């Protein structure tokens, strides 16, 4: 029972933070699973399955708002889901230590970049919606999808910044797309793949799923109420924290 309560608490905090800032649930949740005794591969698979509930909780709240363009949502699905499936299949062949250090460095860059651009993502500026813009944007989303399927933390934050920087979304709308499309559909594709190729700690999933649902809904609600200015600050803090955490974990 103490372990289950700890799992609920960690899941609520991690997923609320992720739903507010646009990603980073694995910053707390994945290391907690390892700390509580799971081997790396089982912790990874269990975390992947649990993160689907983050998308469900966020979707339940965001669908009440009129923030989505169906065609752009389908575009994100078509470009990101194949990458997530490929990444989940290849993670067993990749040196996790090197991958985490590399991703940690990548995470620091967007956080610092956003801090240096005070107006970035505070208002929506439609751009790169031409064929060329969608091709380049889609290729980058595929790469992020690959990272989403193979690694444990931070890729949702990369999606959020890419939607802001390349397509001109404000942070509030970018986070909504990230939490619904990445948080649910991309994560679901990676989770199904991990179930097929790895072992999942099923009895731990109930508290994790409950905490992720509650945290995802709460974080999305706060994000909607606070607006892009607060989300931008949350994004920057979480991105830098995730980056430093990944680098530190990879250097062990």
C-alpha atoms as a PDB file:
ATOM      1  CA  UNK A   1       0.000   0.000   0.000  1.00  0.00           C
ATOM      2  CA  UNK A   2       2.783   2.587   0.735  1.00  0.00           C
ATOM      3  CA  UNK A   3       4.240   1.859  -2.726  1.00  0.00           C
ATOM      4  CA  UNK A   4       0.853   2.342  -4.404  1.00  0.00           C
ATOM      5  CA  UNK A   5       0.299   5.629  -2.572  1.00  0.00           C
ATOM      6  CA  UNK A   6       3.755   6.802  -3.607  1.00  0.00           C
ATOM      7  CA  UNK A   7       2.975   5.887  -7.225  1.00  0.00           C
ATOM      8  CA  UNK A   8      -0.267   7.891  -7.176  1.00  0.00           C
ATOM      9  CA  UNK A   9       1.459  10.938  -5.674  1.00  0.00           C
ATOM     10  CA  UNK A  10       4.339  10.847  -8.148  1.00  0.00           C
ATOM     11  CA  UNK A  11       1.981  10.334 -11.092  1.00  0.00           C
ATOM     12  CA  UNK A  12      -0.292  13.238 -10.102  1.00  0.00           C
ATOM     13  CA  UNK A  13       2.590  15.695  -9.667  1.00  0.00           C
ATOM     14  CA  UNK A  14       4.537  14.569 -12.753  1.00  0.00           C
ATOM     15  CA  UNK A  15       1.563  14.549 -15.105  1.00  0.00           C
ATOM     16  CA  UNK A  16       0.058  17.806 -13.826  1.00  0.00           C
ATOM     17  CA  UNK A  17       3.411  19.490 -14.453  1.00  0.00           C
ATOM     18  CA  UNK A  18       3.624  17.930 -17.918  1.00  0.00           C
ATOM     19  CA  UNK A  19       0.093  18.923 -18.919  1.00  0.00           C
ATOM     20  CA  UNK A  20       0.725  22.511 -17.839  1.00  0.00           C
ATOM     21  CA  UNK A  21       4.121  22.988 -19.488  1.00  0.00           C
ATOM     22  CA  UNK A  22       3.778  20.731 -22.528  1.00  0.00           C
ATOM     23  CA  UNK A  23       5.720  17.625 -21.488  1.00  0.00           C
ATOM     24  CA  UNK A  24       8.293  16.214 -19.083  1.00  0.00           C
ATOM     25  CA  UNK A  25       6.265  13.667 -17.082  1.00  0.00           C
ATOM     26  CA  UNK A  26       9.157  11.230 -17.244  1.00  0.00           C
ATOM     27  CA  UNK A  27      11.361  13.668 -15.309  1.00  0.00           C
ATOM     28  CA  UNK A  28       9.780  12.415 -12.073  1.00  0.00           C
ATOM     29  CA  UNK A  29       7.774   9.335 -12.956  1.00  0.00           C
ATOM     30  CA  UNK A  30      10.370   7.197 -14.731  1.00  0.00           C
ATOM     31  CA  UNK A  31      13.198   7.640 -12.171  1.00  0.00           C
ATOM     32  CA  UNK A  32      10.645   6.989  -9.401  1.00  0.00           C
ATOM     33  CA  UNK A  33       9.802   3.586 -10.890  1.00  0.00           C
ATOM     34  CA  UNK A  34      13.489   2.664 -10.917  1.00  0.00           C
ATOM     35  CA  UNK A  35      13.949   3.994  -7.367  1.00  0.00           C
ATOM     36  CA  UNK A  36      11.030   1.847  -6.202  1.00  0.00           C
ATOM     37  CA  UNK A  37      12.749  -1.260  -7.520  1.00  0.00           C
ATOM     38  CA  UNK A  38      11.922  -1.895 -11.187  1.00  0.00           C
ATOM     39  CA  UNK A  39      14.685  -2.832 -13.671  1.00  0.00           C
ATOM     40  CA  UNK A  40      15.274  -0.242 -16.405  1.00  0.00           C
ATOM     41  CA  UNK A  41      13.481  -2.072 -19.234  1.00  0.00           C
ATOM     42  CA  UNK A  42      10.406  -2.915 -17.127  1.00  0.00           C
ATOM     43  CA  UNK A  43      10.282   0.621 -15.707  1.00  0.00           C
ATOM     44  CA  UNK A  44      10.462   2.042 -19.244  1.00  0.00           C
ATOM     45  CA  UNK A  45       7.642  -0.162 -20.547  1.00  0.00           C
ATOM     46  CA  UNK A  46       5.470   0.529 -17.483  1.00  0.00           C
ATOM     47  CA  UNK A  47       6.074   4.271 -17.755  1.00  0.00           C
ATOM     48  CA  UNK A  48       5.220   4.248 -21.470  1.00  0.00           C
ATOM     49  CA  UNK A  49       1.888   2.548 -20.856  1.00  0.00           C
ATOM     50  CA  UNK A  50       1.068   4.854 -17.937  1.00  0.00           C
ATOM     51  CA  UNK A  51       1.751   8.021 -19.962  1.00  0.00           C
ATOM     52  CA  UNK A  52      -1.210   7.219 -22.200  1.00  0.00           C
ATOM     53  CA  UNK A  53      -3.436   8.207 -19.283  1.00  0.00           C
ATOM     54  CA  UNK A  54      -1.797  11.647 -19.284  1.00  0.00           C
ATOM     55  CA  UNK A  55      -3.127  12.116 -22.806  1.00  0.00           C
ATOM     56  CA  UNK A  56      -6.567  10.864 -21.778  1.00  0.00           C
ATOM     57  CA  UNK A  57      -6.758  13.247 -18.833  1.00  0.00           C
ATOM     58  CA  UNK A  58      -5.508  16.209 -20.865  1.00  0.00           C
ATOM     59  CA  UNK A  59      -7.799  15.379 -23.789  1.00  0.00           C
ATOM     60  CA  UNK A  60     -10.830  15.262 -21.481  1.00  0.00           C
ATOM     61  CA  UNK A  61     -10.133  18.879 -20.503  1.00  0.00           C
ATOM     62  CA  UNK A  62      -8.841  20.309 -23.782  1.00  0.00           C
ATOM     63  CA  UNK A  63     -11.716  18.946 -25.864  1.00  0.00           C
ATOM     64  CA  UNK A  64     -13.983  21.395 -24.035  1.00  0.00           C
ATOM     65  CA  UNK A  65     -12.044  24.226 -25.691  1.00  0.00           C
ATOM     66  CA  UNK A  66     -12.095  25.103 -29.396  1.00  0.00           C
ATOM     67  CA  UNK A  67      -8.360  24.922 -29.965  1.00  0.00           C
ATOM     68  CA  UNK A  68      -7.968  22.248 -32.620  1.00  0.00           C
ATOM     69  CA  UNK A  69      -7.811  22.137 -36.397  1.00  0.00           C
ATOM     70  CA  UNK A  70      -8.688  18.590 -37.502  1.00  0.00           C
ATOM     71  CA  UNK A  71      -6.419  18.659 -40.546  1.00  0.00           C
ATOM     72  CA  UNK A  72      -3.415  19.769 -38.506  1.00  0.00           C
ATOM     73  CA  UNK A  73      -4.204  17.114 -35.897  1.00  0.00           C
ATOM     74  CA  UNK A  74      -4.214  14.427 -38.616  1.00  0.00           C
ATOM     75  CA  UNK A  75      -0.924  15.835 -39.922  1.00  0.00           C
ATOM     76  CA  UNK A  76       0.661  15.394 -36.477  1.00  0.00           C
ATOM     77  CA  UNK A  77      -0.658  11.843 -36.259  1.00  0.00           C
ATOM     78  CA  UNK A  78       0.620  10.886 -39.704  1.00  0.00           C
ATOM     79  CA  UNK A  79       4.117  12.246 -39.046  1.00  0.00           C
ATOM     80  CA  UNK A  80       4.619  11.372 -35.384  1.00  0.00           C
ATOM     81  CA  UNK A  81       3.046   7.943 -34.850  1.00  0.00           C
ATOM     82  CA  UNK A  82       5.344   6.073 -37.308  1.00  0.00           C
ATOM     83  CA  UNK A  83       8.360   7.630 -35.598  1.00  0.00           C
ATOM     84  CA  UNK A  84       7.083   6.602 -32.160  1.00  0.00           C
ATOM     85  CA  UNK A  85       6.596   2.989 -33.294  1.00  0.00           C
ATOM     86  CA  UNK A  86      10.049   2.868 -34.905  1.00  0.00           C
ATOM     87  CA  UNK A  87      11.685   4.400 -31.833  1.00  0.00           C
ATOM     88  CA  UNK A  88      10.042   1.931 -29.447  1.00  0.00           C
ATOM     89  CA  UNK A  89      11.257  -0.979 -31.589  1.00  0.00           C
ATOM     90  CA  UNK A  90      14.848   0.280 -31.735  1.00  0.00           C
ATOM     91  CA  UNK A  91      15.343   1.425 -28.112  1.00  0.00           C
ATOM     92  CA  UNK A  92      16.663  -1.999 -27.107  1.00  0.00           C
ATOM     93  CA  UNK A  93      19.536  -1.540 -29.590  1.00  0.00           C
ATOM     94  CA  UNK A  94      20.547   1.980 -28.538  1.00  0.00           C
ATOM     95  CA  UNK A  95      23.028   2.899 -25.802  1.00  0.00           C
ATOM     96  CA  UNK A  96      20.670   4.515 -23.304  1.00  0.00           C
ATOM     97  CA  UNK A  97      23.410   6.488 -21.561  1.00  0.00           C
ATOM     98  CA  UNK A  98      24.533   8.246 -24.744  1.00  0.00           C
ATOM     99  CA  UNK A  99      20.932   8.803 -25.850  1.00  0.00           C
ATOM    100  CA  UNK A 100      19.968  10.457 -22.573  1.00  0.00           C
ATOM    101  CA  UNK A 101      22.976  12.802 -22.592  1.00  0.00           C
ATOM    102  CA  UNK A 102      22.221  13.816 -26.176  1.00  0.00           C
ATOM    103  CA  UNK A 103      18.543  14.407 -25.440  1.00  0.00           C
ATOM    104  CA  UNK A 104      19.457  16.358 -22.291  1.00  0.00           C
ATOM    105  CA  UNK A 105      21.598  18.734 -24.357  1.00  0.00           C
ATOM    106  CA  UNK A 106      18.777  19.077 -26.898  1.00  0.00           C
ATOM    107  CA  UNK A 107      16.375  19.927 -24.060  1.00  0.00           C
ATOM    108  CA  UNK A 108      18.537  22.731 -22.681  1.00  0.00           C
ATOM    109  CA  UNK A 109      18.682  24.503 -26.032  1.00  0.00           C
ATOM    110  CA  UNK A 110      14.919  25.149 -26.485  1.00  0.00           C
ATOM    111  CA  UNK A 111      14.518  26.217 -22.861  1.00  0.00           C
ATOM    112  CA  UNK A 112      17.319  28.759 -23.102  1.00  0.00           C
ATOM    113  CA  UNK A 113      16.166  29.827 -26.580  1.00  0.00           C
ATOM    114  CA  UNK A 114      12.630  30.485 -25.314  1.00  0.00           C
ATOM    115  CA  UNK A 115      13.963  32.524 -22.396  1.00  0.00           C
ATOM    116  CA  UNK A 116      15.972  34.677 -24.820  1.00  0.00           C
ATOM    117  CA  UNK A 117      12.835  35.347 -26.898  1.00  0.00           C
ATOM    118  CA  UNK A 118      10.393  37.087 -24.517  1.00  0.00           C
ATOM    119  CA  UNK A 119       7.593  37.338 -27.108  1.00  0.00           C
ATOM    120  CA  UNK A 120       7.958  33.803 -28.504  1.00  0.00           C
ATOM    121  CA  UNK A 121       4.675  31.924 -28.252  1.00  0.00           C
ATOM    122  CA  UNK A 122       2.762  34.705 -26.489  1.00  0.00           C
ATOM    123  CA  UNK A 123       0.693  35.435 -29.610  1.00  0.00           C
ATOM    124  CA  UNK A 124      -0.133  33.236 -32.588  1.00  0.00           C
ATOM    125  CA  UNK A 125       1.544  34.029 -35.915  1.00  0.00           C
ATOM    126  CA  UNK A 126       0.539  31.641 -38.693  1.00  0.00           C
ATOM    127  CA  UNK A 127       3.608  30.642 -40.735  1.00  0.00           C
ATOM    128  CA  UNK A 128       5.167  27.762 -42.687  1.00  0.00           C
ATOM    129  CA  UNK A 129       1.770  26.388 -43.725  1.00  0.00           C
ATOM    130  CA  UNK A 130       2.912  25.901 -47.338  1.00  0.00           C
ATOM    131  CA  UNK A 131       3.774  22.496 -48.834  1.00  0.00           C
ATOM    132  CA  UNK A 132       7.471  23.057 -48.118  1.00  0.00           C
ATOM    133  CA  UNK A 133       6.689  24.173 -44.572  1.00  0.00           C
ATOM    134  CA  UNK A 134       4.609  21.069 -43.876  1.00  0.00           C
ATOM    135  CA  UNK A 135       7.269  18.763 -45.353  1.00  0.00           C
ATOM    136  CA  UNK A 136      10.031  20.214 -43.170  1.00  0.00           C
ATOM    137  CA  UNK A 137       7.736  20.418 -40.163  1.00  0.00           C
ATOM    138  CA  UNK A 138       6.567  16.847 -40.684  1.00  0.00           C
ATOM    139  CA  UNK A 139      10.110  15.484 -40.940  1.00  0.00           C
ATOM    140  CA  UNK A 140      11.044  17.120 -37.648  1.00  0.00           C
ATOM    141  CA  UNK A 141       7.884  15.764 -35.999  1.00  0.00           C
ATOM    142  CA  UNK A 142       8.808  12.281 -37.270  1.00  0.00           C
ATOM    143  CA  UNK A 143      12.243  12.588 -35.633  1.00  0.00           C
ATOM    144  CA  UNK A 144      10.683  13.795 -32.380  1.00  0.00           C
ATOM    145  CA  UNK A 145       8.194  10.923 -32.626  1.00  0.00           C
ATOM    146  CA  UNK A 146      11.148   8.540 -32.880  1.00  0.00           C
ATOM    147  CA  UNK A 147      12.636  10.061 -29.725  1.00  0.00           C
ATOM    148  CA  UNK A 148       9.224   9.861 -28.062  1.00  0.00           C
ATOM    149  CA  UNK A 149       9.039   6.128 -28.712  1.00  0.00           C
ATOM    150  CA  UNK A 150      12.594   5.393 -27.638  1.00  0.00           C
ATOM    151  CA  UNK A 151      13.361   7.691 -24.701  1.00  0.00           C
ATOM    152  CA  UNK A 152      11.655   8.465 -21.421  1.00  0.00           C
ATOM    153  CA  UNK A 153      11.505  12.215 -20.870  1.00  0.00           C
ATOM    154  CA  UNK A 154      11.139  15.546 -22.546  1.00  0.00           C
ATOM    155  CA  UNK A 155      10.013  14.836 -26.094  1.00  0.00           C
ATOM    156  CA  UNK A 156       6.636  16.461 -25.557  1.00  0.00           C
ATOM    157  CA  UNK A 157       8.513  19.654 -24.731  1.00  0.00           C
ATOM    158  CA  UNK A 158      10.309  19.441 -28.076  1.00  0.00           C
ATOM    159  CA  UNK A 159       6.965  19.089 -29.863  1.00  0.00           C
ATOM    160  CA  UNK A 160       5.615  22.124 -28.026  1.00  0.00           C
ATOM    161  CA  UNK A 161       8.560  24.331 -28.971  1.00  0.00           C
ATOM    162  CA  UNK A 162       8.545  23.135 -32.586  1.00  0.00           C
ATOM    163  CA  UNK A 163       4.859  24.002 -32.956  1.00  0.00           C
ATOM    164  CA  UNK A 164       5.571  27.443 -31.500  1.00  0.00           C
ATOM    165  CA  UNK A 165       8.770  28.136 -33.430  1.00  0.00           C
ATOM    166  CA  UNK A 166       8.012  26.621 -36.831  1.00  0.00           C
ATOM    167  CA  UNK A 167       4.231  26.871 -37.194  1.00  0.00           C
ATOM    168  CA  UNK A 168       3.748  30.007 -35.109  1.00  0.00           C
ATOM    169  CA  UNK A 169       1.364  28.674 -32.458  1.00  0.00           C
ATOM    170  CA  UNK A 170       1.018  30.403 -29.131  1.00  0.00           C
ATOM    171  CA  UNK A 171       2.099  28.264 -26.185  1.00  0.00           C
ATOM    172  CA  UNK A 172      -1.446  27.606 -24.974  1.00  0.00           C
ATOM    173  CA  UNK A 173      -2.536  26.064 -28.279  1.00  0.00           C
ATOM    174  CA  UNK A 174       0.802  24.293 -28.818  1.00  0.00           C
ATOM    175  CA  UNK A 175       0.527  22.591 -25.424  1.00  0.00           C
ATOM    176  CA  UNK A 176      -3.033  21.525 -26.254  1.00  0.00           C
ATOM    177  CA  UNK A 177      -1.900  19.836 -29.473  1.00  0.00           C
ATOM    178  CA  UNK A 178       1.057  18.254 -27.692  1.00  0.00           C
ATOM    179  CA  UNK A 179      -0.975  16.823 -24.833  1.00  0.00           C
ATOM    180  CA  UNK A 180      -3.726  15.408 -27.035  1.00  0.00           C
ATOM    181  CA  UNK A 181      -1.774  14.201 -30.086  1.00  0.00           C
ATOM    182  CA  UNK A 182       1.565  13.369 -28.470  1.00  0.00           C
ATOM    183  CA  UNK A 183       0.315  12.628 -24.970  1.00  0.00           C
ATOM    184  CA  UNK A 184      -2.325  10.176 -26.147  1.00  0.00           C
ATOM    185  CA  UNK A 185      -1.829   8.965 -29.728  1.00  0.00           C
ATOM    186  CA  UNK A 186       1.976   8.986 -29.991  1.00  0.00           C
ATOM    187  CA  UNK A 187       2.339   7.546 -26.502  1.00  0.00           C
ATOM    188  CA  UNK A 188      -0.314   4.918 -27.224  1.00  0.00           C
ATOM    189  CA  UNK A 189       1.581   3.757 -30.311  1.00  0.00           C
ATOM    190  CA  UNK A 190       4.813   3.509 -28.315  1.00  0.00           C
ATOM    191  CA  UNK A 191       3.049   1.826 -25.398  1.00  0.00           C
ATOM    192  CA  UNK A 192       1.465  -0.873 -27.571  1.00  0.00           C
ATOM    193  CA  UNK A 193       4.845  -1.561 -29.141  1.00  0.00           C
ATOM    194  CA  UNK A 194       6.524  -1.803 -25.729  1.00  0.00           C
ATOM    195  CA  UNK A 195       3.839  -4.215 -24.503  1.00  0.00           C
ATOM    196  CA  UNK A 196       4.639  -6.499 -27.428  1.00  0.00           C
ATOM    197  CA  UNK A 197       8.422  -6.471 -27.000  1.00  0.00           C
ATOM    198  CA  UNK A 198       8.968  -5.944 -23.248  1.00  0.00           C
ATOM    199  CA  UNK A 199       7.553  -6.709 -19.796  1.00  0.00           C
ATOM    200  CA  UNK A 200       5.125  -4.403 -17.968  1.00  0.00           C
ATOM    201  CA  UNK A 201       4.561  -4.219 -14.208  1.00  0.00           C
ATOM    202  CA  UNK A 202       0.790  -4.478 -14.536  1.00  0.00           C
ATOM    203  CA  UNK A 203      -0.134  -4.245 -10.847  1.00  0.00           C
ATOM    204  CA  UNK A 204       1.608  -0.855 -10.637  1.00  0.00           C
ATOM    205  CA  UNK A 205      -0.349   0.520 -13.563  1.00  0.00           C
ATOM    206  CA  UNK A 206      -3.606   1.079 -11.643  1.00  0.00           C
ATOM    207  CA  UNK A 207      -2.190   3.765  -9.285  1.00  0.00           C
ATOM    208  CA  UNK A 208      -0.085   5.224 -12.098  1.00  0.00           C
ATOM    209  CA  UNK A 209      -3.053   5.462 -14.456  1.00  0.00           C
ATOM    210  CA  UNK A 210      -5.255   7.010 -11.772  1.00  0.00           C
ATOM    211  CA  UNK A 211      -2.586   9.589 -10.908  1.00  0.00           C
ATOM    212  CA  UNK A 212      -1.902  10.357 -14.577  1.00  0.00           C
ATOM    213  CA  UNK A 213      -5.586  10.886 -15.354  1.00  0.00           C
ATOM    214  CA  UNK A 214      -6.055  13.223 -12.396  1.00  0.00           C
ATOM    215  CA  UNK A 215      -2.778  15.056 -12.943  1.00  0.00           C
ATOM    216  CA  UNK A 216      -3.287  15.396 -16.703  1.00  0.00           C
ATOM    217  CA  UNK A 217      -6.748  16.888 -16.266  1.00  0.00           C
ATOM    218  CA  UNK A 218      -5.613  19.247 -13.487  1.00  0.00           C
ATOM    219  CA  UNK A 219      -2.549  20.441 -15.402  1.00  0.00           C
ATOM    220  CA  UNK A 220      -4.566  21.065 -18.562  1.00  0.00           C
ATOM    221  CA  UNK A 221      -7.162  23.019 -16.571  1.00  0.00           C
ATOM    222  CA  UNK A 222      -4.489  25.240 -15.031  1.00  0.00           C
ATOM    223  CA  UNK A 223      -2.878  25.814 -18.440  1.00  0.00           C
ATOM    224  CA  UNK A 224      -6.203  26.879 -19.976  1.00  0.00           C
ATOM    225  CA  UNK A 225      -6.938  29.276 -17.128  1.00  0.00           C
ATOM    226  CA  UNK A 226      -3.460  30.830 -16.886  1.00  0.00           C
ATOM    227  CA  UNK A 227      -2.747  31.476 -20.568  1.00  0.00           C
ATOM    228  CA  UNK A 228       0.386  31.487 -22.699  1.00  0.00           C
ATOM    229  CA  UNK A 229       2.544  33.773 -20.542  1.00  0.00           C
ATOM    230  CA  UNK A 230       2.517  31.425 -17.559  1.00  0.00           C
ATOM    231  CA  UNK A 231       2.784  28.352 -19.797  1.00  0.00           C
ATOM    232  CA  UNK A 232       5.873  29.856 -21.460  1.00  0.00           C
ATOM    233  CA  UNK A 233       7.588  30.247 -18.079  1.00  0.00           C
ATOM    234  CA  UNK A 234       6.566  26.751 -17.033  1.00  0.00           C
ATOM    235  CA  UNK A 235       7.866  25.369 -20.328  1.00  0.00           C
ATOM    236  CA  UNK A 236      11.240  27.062 -19.876  1.00  0.00           C
ATOM    237  CA  UNK A 237      11.713  25.881 -16.294  1.00  0.00           C
ATOM    238  CA  UNK A 238      10.649  22.302 -16.994  1.00  0.00           C
ATOM    239  CA  UNK A 239      12.704  22.077 -20.192  1.00  0.00           C
ATOM    240  CA  UNK A 240      15.903  23.164 -18.476  1.00  0.00           C
ATOM    241  CA  UNK A 241      15.187  20.909 -15.480  1.00  0.00           C
ATOM    242  CA  UNK A 242      14.551  17.915 -17.753  1.00  0.00           C
ATOM    243  CA  UNK A 243      17.717  18.628 -19.726  1.00  0.00           C
ATOM    244  CA  UNK A 244      19.908  18.796 -16.631  1.00  0.00           C
ATOM    245  CA  UNK A 245      18.257  15.696 -15.178  1.00  0.00           C
ATOM    246  CA  UNK A 246      18.853  13.667 -18.343  1.00  0.00           C
ATOM    247  CA  UNK A 247      22.490  14.749 -18.618  1.00  0.00           C
ATOM    248  CA  UNK A 248      23.108  13.916 -14.937  1.00  0.00           C
ATOM    249  CA  UNK A 249      21.444  10.509 -15.332  1.00  0.00           C
ATOM    250  CA  UNK A 250      23.424   9.743 -18.477  1.00  0.00           C
ATOM    251  CA  UNK A 251      26.749  10.652 -16.829  1.00  0.00           C
ATOM    252  CA  UNK A 252      26.290   8.201 -13.941  1.00  0.00           C
END
